[in-house]
Amino acid sequence: MVSKKLATRLEKKQEELTNAQEKVTVLKDEVTDLKKQVQLELLQKLQENLQTENLADIEQFIAQVTPTDNGGEPNGD
């Protein structure tokens, strides 16, 4: 039999773990939602800038763009 103090500590830590896991789940869901919002906003900006709602045109534009390694920021050269 373990001491009551040790058993209580274990129970509290298990409760903390459960709470942390629930927070992780909530955060994952929030991150997923925010990613979807970002994608939607980017798509809307592309539609505005390309003056089209045709997704094939937008996909073709995206396929032609070369990704940058600096987040799209100017190099400042």
PDB file of N, CA and C in Angstrom:
ATOM      1  N   MET A   1       0.848  -1.188   0.000  1.00  0.00           N
ATOM      2  CA  MET A   1       0.000   0.000   0.000  1.00  0.00           C
ATOM      3  C   MET A   1       0.884   1.237   0.000  1.00  0.00           C
ATOM      4  N   VAL A   2       0.549   2.186  -0.873  1.00  0.00           N
ATOM      5  CA  VAL A   2       1.318   3.422  -0.921  1.00  0.00           C
ATOM      6  C   VAL A   2       0.735   4.427   0.056  1.00  0.00           C
ATOM      7  N   SER A   3       1.573   5.384   0.420  1.00  0.00           N
ATOM      8  CA  SER A   3       1.105   6.387   1.368  1.00  0.00           C
ATOM      9  C   SER A   3      -0.012   7.226   0.742  1.00  0.00           C
ATOM     10  N   LYS A   4      -0.858   7.757   1.598  1.00  0.00           N
ATOM     11  CA  LYS A   4      -1.968   8.583   1.135  1.00  0.00           C
ATOM     12  C   LYS A   4      -1.440   9.831   0.436  1.00  0.00           C
ATOM     13  N   LYS A   5      -0.342  10.380   0.918  1.00  0.00           N
ATOM     14  CA  LYS A   5       0.263  11.572   0.329  1.00  0.00           C
ATOM     15  C   LYS A   5       0.702  11.287  -1.118  1.00  0.00           C
ATOM     16  N   LEU A   6       1.351  10.149  -1.318  1.00  0.00           N
ATOM     17  CA  LEU A   6       1.822   9.780  -2.645  1.00  0.00           C
ATOM     18  C   LEU A   6       0.644   9.504  -3.576  1.00  0.00           C
ATOM     19  N   ALA A   7      -0.367   8.825  -3.081  1.00  0.00           N
ATOM     20  CA  ALA A   7      -1.558   8.529  -3.877  1.00  0.00           C
ATOM     21  C   ALA A   7      -2.271   9.820  -4.271  1.00  0.00           C
ATOM     22  N   THR A   8      -2.324  10.785  -3.376  1.00  0.00           N
ATOM     23  CA  THR A   8      -2.953  12.072  -3.647  1.00  0.00           C
ATOM     24  C   THR A   8      -2.175  12.837  -4.712  1.00  0.00           C
ATOM     25  N   ARG A   9      -0.834  12.808  -4.607  1.00  0.00           N
ATOM     26  CA  ARG A   9       0.005  13.470  -5.609  1.00  0.00           C
ATOM     27  C   ARG A   9      -0.223  12.861  -6.983  1.00  0.00           C
ATOM     28  N   LEU A  10      -0.282  11.531  -7.034  1.00  0.00           N
ATOM     29  CA  LEU A  10      -0.512  10.845  -8.300  1.00  0.00           C
ATOM     30  C   LEU A  10      -1.862  11.245  -8.887  1.00  0.00           C
ATOM     31  N   GLU A  11      -2.871  11.272  -8.070  1.00  0.00           N
ATOM     32  CA  GLU A  11      -4.201  11.636  -8.531  1.00  0.00           C
ATOM     33  C   GLU A  11      -4.218  13.066  -9.084  1.00  0.00           C
ATOM     34  N   LYS A  12      -3.548  13.976  -8.386  1.00  0.00           N
ATOM     35  CA  LYS A  12      -3.500  15.366  -8.845  1.00  0.00           C
ATOM     36  C   LYS A  12      -2.751  15.479 -10.175  1.00  0.00           C
ATOM     37  N   LYS A  13      -1.660  14.742 -10.306  1.00  0.00           N
ATOM     38  CA  LYS A  13      -0.881  14.793 -11.545  1.00  0.00           C
ATOM     39  C   LYS A  13      -1.676  14.189 -12.704  1.00  0.00           C
ATOM     40  N   GLN A  14      -2.418  13.135 -12.429  1.00  0.00           N
ATOM     41  CA  GLN A  14      -3.250  12.539 -13.474  1.00  0.00           C
ATOM     42  C   GLN A  14      -4.336  13.518 -13.910  1.00  0.00           C
ATOM     43  N   GLU A  15      -4.882  14.253 -12.952  1.00  0.00           N
ATOM     44  CA  GLU A  15      -5.888  15.261 -13.265  1.00  0.00           C
ATOM     45  C   GLU A  15      -5.268  16.395 -14.089  1.00  0.00           C
ATOM     46  N   GLU A  16      -4.054  16.817 -13.723  1.00  0.00           N
ATOM     47  CA  GLU A  16      -3.349  17.842 -14.496  1.00  0.00           C
ATOM     48  C   GLU A  16      -3.108  17.365 -15.927  1.00  0.00           C
ATOM     49  N   LEU A  17      -2.722  16.112 -16.061  1.00  0.00           N
ATOM     50  CA  LEU A  17      -2.465  15.540 -17.382  1.00  0.00           C
ATOM     51  C   LEU A  17      -3.737  15.534 -18.218  1.00  0.00           C
ATOM     52  N   THR A  18      -4.825  15.130 -17.643  1.00  0.00           N
ATOM     53  CA  THR A  18      -6.110  15.115 -18.342  1.00  0.00           C
ATOM     54  C   THR A  18      -6.485  16.525 -18.789  1.00  0.00           C
ATOM     55  N   ASN A  19      -6.320  17.491 -17.906  1.00  0.00           N
ATOM     56  CA  ASN A  19      -6.627  18.881 -18.252  1.00  0.00           C
ATOM     57  C   ASN A  19      -5.729  19.377 -19.384  1.00  0.00           C
ATOM     58  N   ALA A  20      -4.442  19.030 -19.308  1.00  0.00           N
ATOM     59  CA  ALA A  20      -3.500  19.449 -20.351  1.00  0.00           C
ATOM     60  C   ALA A  20      -3.871  18.818 -21.691  1.00  0.00           C
ATOM     61  N   GLN A  21      -4.268  17.541 -21.682  1.00  0.00           N
ATOM     62  CA  GLN A  21      -4.659  16.874 -22.919  1.00  0.00           C
ATOM     63  C   GLN A  21      -5.901  17.522 -23.520  1.00  0.00           C
ATOM     64  N   GLU A  22      -6.826  17.933 -22.678  1.00  0.00           N
ATOM     65  CA  GLU A  22      -8.028  18.615 -23.158  1.00  0.00           C
ATOM     66  C   GLU A  22      -7.657  19.959 -23.783  1.00  0.00           C
ATOM     67  N   LYS A  23      -6.711  20.669 -23.155  1.00  0.00           N
ATOM     68  CA  LYS A  23      -6.263  21.954 -23.701  1.00  0.00           C
ATOM     69  C   LYS A  23      -5.579  21.755 -25.051  1.00  0.00           C
ATOM     70  N   VAL A  24      -4.789  20.697 -25.175  1.00  0.00           N
ATOM     71  CA  VAL A  24      -4.120  20.404 -26.446  1.00  0.00           C
ATOM     72  C   VAL A  24      -5.153  20.161 -27.535  1.00  0.00           C
ATOM     73  N   THR A  25      -6.179  19.425 -27.221  1.00  0.00           N
ATOM     74  CA  THR A  25      -7.241  19.156 -28.187  1.00  0.00           C
ATOM     75  C   THR A  25      -7.905  20.453 -28.627  1.00  0.00           C
ATOM     76  N   VAL A  26      -8.213  21.314 -27.672  1.00  0.00           N
ATOM     77  CA  VAL A  26      -8.838  22.600 -27.984  1.00  0.00           C
ATOM     78  C   VAL A  26      -7.904  23.440 -28.852  1.00  0.00           C
ATOM     79  N   LEU A  27      -6.617  23.488 -28.484  1.00  0.00           N
ATOM     80  CA  LEU A  27      -5.651  24.274 -29.257  1.00  0.00           C
ATOM     81  C   LEU A  27      -5.496  23.738 -30.680  1.00  0.00           C
ATOM     82  N   LYS A  28      -5.471  22.422 -30.833  1.00  0.00           N
ATOM     83  CA  LYS A  28      -5.366  21.828 -32.169  1.00  0.00           C
ATOM     84  C   LYS A  28      -6.557  22.237 -33.020  1.00  0.00           C
ATOM     85  N   ASP A  29      -7.749  22.198 -32.427  1.00  0.00           N
ATOM     86  CA  ASP A  29      -8.956  22.588 -33.157  1.00  0.00           C
ATOM     87  C   ASP A  29      -8.896  24.068 -33.543  1.00  0.00           C
ATOM     88  N   GLU A  30      -8.425  24.914 -32.621  1.00  0.00           N
ATOM     89  CA  GLU A  30      -8.324  26.347 -32.903  1.00  0.00           C
ATOM     90  C   GLU A  30      -7.311  26.607 -34.016  1.00  0.00           C
ATOM     91  N   VAL A  31      -6.180  25.909 -33.986  1.00  0.00           N
ATOM     92  CA  VAL A  31      -5.154  26.067 -35.014  1.00  0.00           C
ATOM     93  C   VAL A  31      -5.707  25.623 -36.370  1.00  0.00           C
ATOM     94  N   THR A  32      -6.416  24.525 -36.398  1.00  0.00           N
ATOM     95  CA  THR A  32      -7.027  24.044 -37.641  1.00  0.00           C
ATOM     96  C   THR A  32      -7.994  25.075 -38.197  1.00  0.00           C
ATOM     97  N   ASP A  33      -8.835  25.631 -37.330  1.00  0.00           N
ATOM     98  CA  ASP A  33      -9.791  26.647 -37.769  1.00  0.00           C
ATOM     99  C   ASP A  33      -9.076  27.890 -38.299  1.00  0.00           C
ATOM    100  N   LEU A  34      -8.031  28.321 -37.595  1.00  0.00           N
ATOM    101  CA  LEU A  34      -7.292  29.504 -38.033  1.00  0.00           C
ATOM    102  C   LEU A  34      -6.588  29.262 -39.363  1.00  0.00           C
ATOM    103  N   LYS A  35      -6.045  28.066 -39.563  1.00  0.00           N
ATOM    104  CA  LYS A  35      -5.413  27.748 -40.839  1.00  0.00           C
ATOM    105  C   LYS A  35      -6.430  27.828 -41.973  1.00  0.00           C
ATOM    106  N   LYS A  36      -7.637  27.325 -41.727  1.00  0.00           N
ATOM    107  CA  LYS A  36      -8.686  27.390 -42.732  1.00  0.00           C
ATOM    108  C   LYS A  36      -9.054  28.839 -43.037  1.00  0.00           C
ATOM    109  N   GLN A  37      -9.113  29.674 -41.997  1.00  0.00           N
ATOM    110  CA  GLN A  37      -9.433  31.083 -42.194  1.00  0.00           C
ATOM    111  C   GLN A  37      -8.345  31.780 -43.004  1.00  0.00           C
ATOM    112  N   VAL A  38      -7.086  31.448 -42.719  1.00  0.00           N
ATOM    113  CA  VAL A  38      -5.966  32.036 -43.460  1.00  0.00           C
ATOM    114  C   VAL A  38      -6.046  31.625 -44.925  1.00  0.00           C
ATOM    115  N   GLN A  39      -6.283  30.352 -45.172  1.00  0.00           N
ATOM    116  CA  GLN A  39      -6.386  29.878 -46.554  1.00  0.00           C
ATOM    117  C   GLN A  39      -7.530  30.568 -47.289  1.00  0.00           C
ATOM    118  N   LEU A  40      -8.653  30.718 -46.616  1.00  0.00           N
ATOM    119  CA  LEU A  40      -9.798  31.381 -47.227  1.00  0.00           C
ATOM    120  C   LEU A  40      -9.482  32.838 -47.538  1.00  0.00           C
ATOM    121  N   GLU A  41      -8.827  33.516 -46.603  1.00  0.00           N
ATOM    122  CA  GLU A  41      -8.471  34.911 -46.832  1.00  0.00           C
ATOM    123  C   GLU A  41      -7.479  35.041 -47.986  1.00  0.00           C
ATOM    124  N   LEU A  42      -6.500  34.139 -48.043  1.00  0.00           N
ATOM    125  CA  LEU A  42      -5.532  34.172 -49.143  1.00  0.00           C
ATOM    126  C   LEU A  42      -6.225  33.924 -50.486  1.00  0.00           C
ATOM    127  N   LEU A  43      -7.157  32.994 -50.502  1.00  0.00           N
ATOM    128  CA  LEU A  43      -7.905  32.713 -51.725  1.00  0.00           C
ATOM    129  C   LEU A  43      -8.715  33.937 -52.149  1.00  0.00           C
ATOM    130  N   GLN A  44      -9.337  34.604 -51.190  1.00  0.00           N
ATOM    131  CA  GLN A  44     -10.113  35.795 -51.507  1.00  0.00           C
ATOM    132  C   GLN A  44      -9.217  36.901 -52.070  1.00  0.00           C
ATOM    133  N   LYS A  45      -8.028  37.062 -51.492  1.00  0.00           N
ATOM    134  CA  LYS A  45      -7.095  38.073 -51.993  1.00  0.00           C
ATOM    135  C   LYS A  45      -6.632  37.731 -53.410  1.00  0.00           C
ATOM    136  N   LEU A  46      -6.370  36.455 -53.644  1.00  0.00           N
ATOM    137  CA  LEU A  46      -5.994  36.046 -55.000  1.00  0.00           C
ATOM    138  C   LEU A  46      -7.126  36.319 -55.983  1.00  0.00           C
ATOM    139  N   GLN A  47      -8.354  36.020 -55.575  1.00  0.00           N
ATOM    140  CA  GLN A  47      -9.497  36.285 -56.445  1.00  0.00           C
ATOM    141  C   GLN A  47      -9.583  37.767 -56.783  1.00  0.00           C
ATOM    142  N   GLU A  48      -9.365  38.616 -55.781  1.00  0.00           N
ATOM    143  CA  GLU A  48      -9.418  40.061 -56.003  1.00  0.00           C
ATOM    144  C   GLU A  48      -8.280  40.506 -56.919  1.00  0.00           C
ATOM    145  N   ASN A  49      -7.061  40.071 -56.604  1.00  0.00           N
ATOM    146  CA  ASN A  49      -5.900  40.516 -57.358  1.00  0.00           C
ATOM    147  C   ASN A  49      -5.871  39.973 -58.784  1.00  0.00           C
ATOM    148  N   LEU A  50      -6.344  38.756 -58.958  1.00  0.00           N
ATOM    149  CA  LEU A  50      -6.371  38.168 -60.291  1.00  0.00           C
ATOM    150  C   LEU A  50      -7.667  38.503 -61.036  1.00  0.00           C
ATOM    151  N   GLN A  51      -8.581  39.138 -60.324  1.00  0.00           N
ATOM    152  CA  GLN A  51      -9.879  39.529 -60.863  1.00  0.00           C
ATOM    153  C   GLN A  51     -10.603  38.338 -61.502  1.00  0.00           C
ATOM    154  N   THR A  52     -10.631  37.245 -60.759  1.00  0.00           N
ATOM    155  CA  THR A  52     -11.334  36.048 -61.232  1.00  0.00           C
ATOM    156  C   THR A  52     -11.832  35.237 -60.043  1.00  0.00           C
ATOM    157  N   GLU A  53     -12.902  34.523 -60.284  1.00  0.00           N
ATOM    158  CA  GLU A  53     -13.388  33.575 -59.288  1.00  0.00           C
ATOM    159  C   GLU A  53     -13.187  32.155 -59.782  1.00  0.00           C
ATOM    160  N   ASN A  54     -12.577  32.026 -60.952  1.00  0.00           N
ATOM    161  CA  ASN A  54     -12.318  30.724 -61.549  1.00  0.00           C
ATOM    162  C   ASN A  54     -11.157  30.055 -60.811  1.00  0.00           C
ATOM    163  N   LEU A  55     -11.459  28.980 -60.103  1.00  0.00           N
ATOM    164  CA  LEU A  55     -10.429  28.304 -59.308  1.00  0.00           C
ATOM    165  C   LEU A  55      -9.329  27.709 -60.166  1.00  0.00           C
ATOM    166  N   ALA A  56      -9.631  27.340 -61.397  1.00  0.00           N
ATOM    167  CA  ALA A  56      -8.601  26.806 -62.292  1.00  0.00           C
ATOM    168  C   ALA A  56      -7.562  27.884 -62.608  1.00  0.00           C
ATOM    169  N   ASP A  57      -8.026  29.122 -62.816  1.00  0.00           N
ATOM    170  CA  ASP A  57      -7.099  30.228 -63.065  1.00  0.00           C
ATOM    171  C   ASP A  57      -6.213  30.475 -61.850  1.00  0.00           C
ATOM    172  N   ILE A  58      -6.807  30.403 -60.676  1.00  0.00           N
ATOM    173  CA  ILE A  58      -6.058  30.631 -59.441  1.00  0.00           C
ATOM    174  C   ILE A  58      -5.047  29.512 -59.222  1.00  0.00           C
ATOM    175  N   GLU A  59      -5.450  28.274 -59.454  1.00  0.00           N
ATOM    176  CA  GLU A  59      -4.527  27.139 -59.328  1.00  0.00           C
ATOM    177  C   GLU A  59      -3.367  27.264 -60.309  1.00  0.00           C
ATOM    178  N   GLN A  60      -3.665  27.703 -61.523  1.00  0.00           N
ATOM    179  CA  GLN A  60      -2.614  27.885 -62.526  1.00  0.00           C
ATOM    180  C   GLN A  60      -1.633  28.964 -62.079  1.00  0.00           C
ATOM    181  N   PHE A  61      -2.142  30.053 -61.515  1.00  0.00           N
ATOM    182  CA  PHE A  61      -1.274  31.121 -61.014  1.00  0.00           C
ATOM    183  C   PHE A  61      -0.375  30.602 -59.901  1.00  0.00           C
ATOM    184  N   ILE A  62      -0.961  29.872 -58.962  1.00  0.00           N
ATOM    185  CA  ILE A  62      -0.193  29.334 -57.831  1.00  0.00           C
ATOM    186  C   ILE A  62       0.899  28.396 -58.333  1.00  0.00           C
ATOM    187  N   ALA A  63       0.590  27.589 -59.334  1.00  0.00           N
ATOM    188  CA  ALA A  63       1.566  26.643 -59.876  1.00  0.00           C
ATOM    189  C   ALA A  63       2.749  27.359 -60.524  1.00  0.00           C
ATOM    190  N   GLN A  64       2.535  28.572 -61.000  1.00  0.00           N
ATOM    191  CA  GLN A  64       3.592  29.325 -61.667  1.00  0.00           C
ATOM    192  C   GLN A  64       4.460  30.118 -60.703  1.00  0.00           C
ATOM    193  N   VAL A  65       3.994  30.292 -59.475  1.00  0.00           N
ATOM    194  CA  VAL A  65       4.717  31.112 -58.497  1.00  0.00           C
ATOM    195  C   VAL A  65       5.851  30.302 -57.883  1.00  0.00           C
ATOM    196  N   THR A  66       7.006  30.940 -57.748  1.00  0.00           N
ATOM    197  CA  THR A  66       8.153  30.306 -57.105  1.00  0.00           C
ATOM    198  C   THR A  66       8.139  30.665 -55.620  1.00  0.00           C
ATOM    199  N   PRO A  67       8.137  29.674 -54.738  1.00  0.00           N
ATOM    200  CA  PRO A  67       8.136  29.973 -53.300  1.00  0.00           C
ATOM    201  C   PRO A  67       9.408  30.705 -52.884  1.00  0.00           C
ATOM    202  N   THR A  68       9.275  31.538 -51.884  1.00  0.00           N
ATOM    203  CA  THR A  68      10.437  32.234 -51.329  1.00  0.00           C
ATOM    204  C   THR A  68      10.823  31.572 -50.024  1.00  0.00           C
ATOM    205  N   ASP A  69      12.048  31.782 -49.608  1.00  0.00           N
ATOM    206  CA  ASP A  69      12.483  31.221 -48.322  1.00  0.00           C
ATOM    207  C   ASP A  69      12.476  32.278 -47.233  1.00  0.00           C
ATOM    208  N   ASN A  70      11.966  33.468 -47.533  1.00  0.00           N
ATOM    209  CA  ASN A  70      11.956  34.551 -46.546  1.00  0.00           C
ATOM    210  C   ASN A  70      10.553  35.025 -46.222  1.00  0.00           C
ATOM    211  N   GLY A  71       9.571  34.201 -46.437  1.00  0.00           N
ATOM    212  CA  GLY A  71       8.206  34.554 -46.095  1.00  0.00           C
ATOM    213  C   GLY A  71       7.599  35.605 -47.010  1.00  0.00           C
ATOM    214  N   GLY A  72       8.215  35.796 -48.178  1.00  0.00           N
ATOM    215  CA  GLY A  72       7.676  36.757 -49.112  1.00  0.00           C
ATOM    216  C   GLY A  72       8.124  38.183 -48.860  1.00  0.00           C
ATOM    217  N   GLU A  73       9.000  38.379 -47.899  1.00  0.00           N
ATOM    218  CA  GLU A  73       9.483  39.721 -47.587  1.00  0.00           C
ATOM    219  C   GLU A  73      10.577  40.120 -48.573  1.00  0.00           C
ATOM    220  N   PRO A  74      10.639  41.404 -48.909  1.00  0.00           N
ATOM    221  CA  PRO A  74      11.720  41.857 -49.787  1.00  0.00           C
ATOM    222  C   PRO A  74      13.080  41.629 -49.150  1.00  0.00           C
ATOM    223  N   ASN A  75      14.089  41.376 -49.987  1.00  0.00           N
ATOM    224  CA  ASN A  75      15.435  41.117 -49.488  1.00  0.00           C
ATOM    225  C   ASN A  75      16.109  42.365 -48.946  1.00  0.00           C
ATOM    226  N   GLY A  76      15.687  43.527 -49.398  1.00  0.00           N
ATOM    227  CA  GLY A  76      16.295  44.757 -48.932  1.00  0.00           C
ATOM    228  C   GLY A  76      17.625  45.031 -49.587  1.00  0.00           C
ATOM    229  N   ASP A  77      17.880  44.379 -50.716  1.00  0.00           N
ATOM    230  CA  ASP A  77      19.142  44.602 -51.438  1.00  0.00           C
ATOM    231  C   ASP A  77      19.130  45.920 -52.157  1.00  0.00           C
TER     232      ASP A  77
END
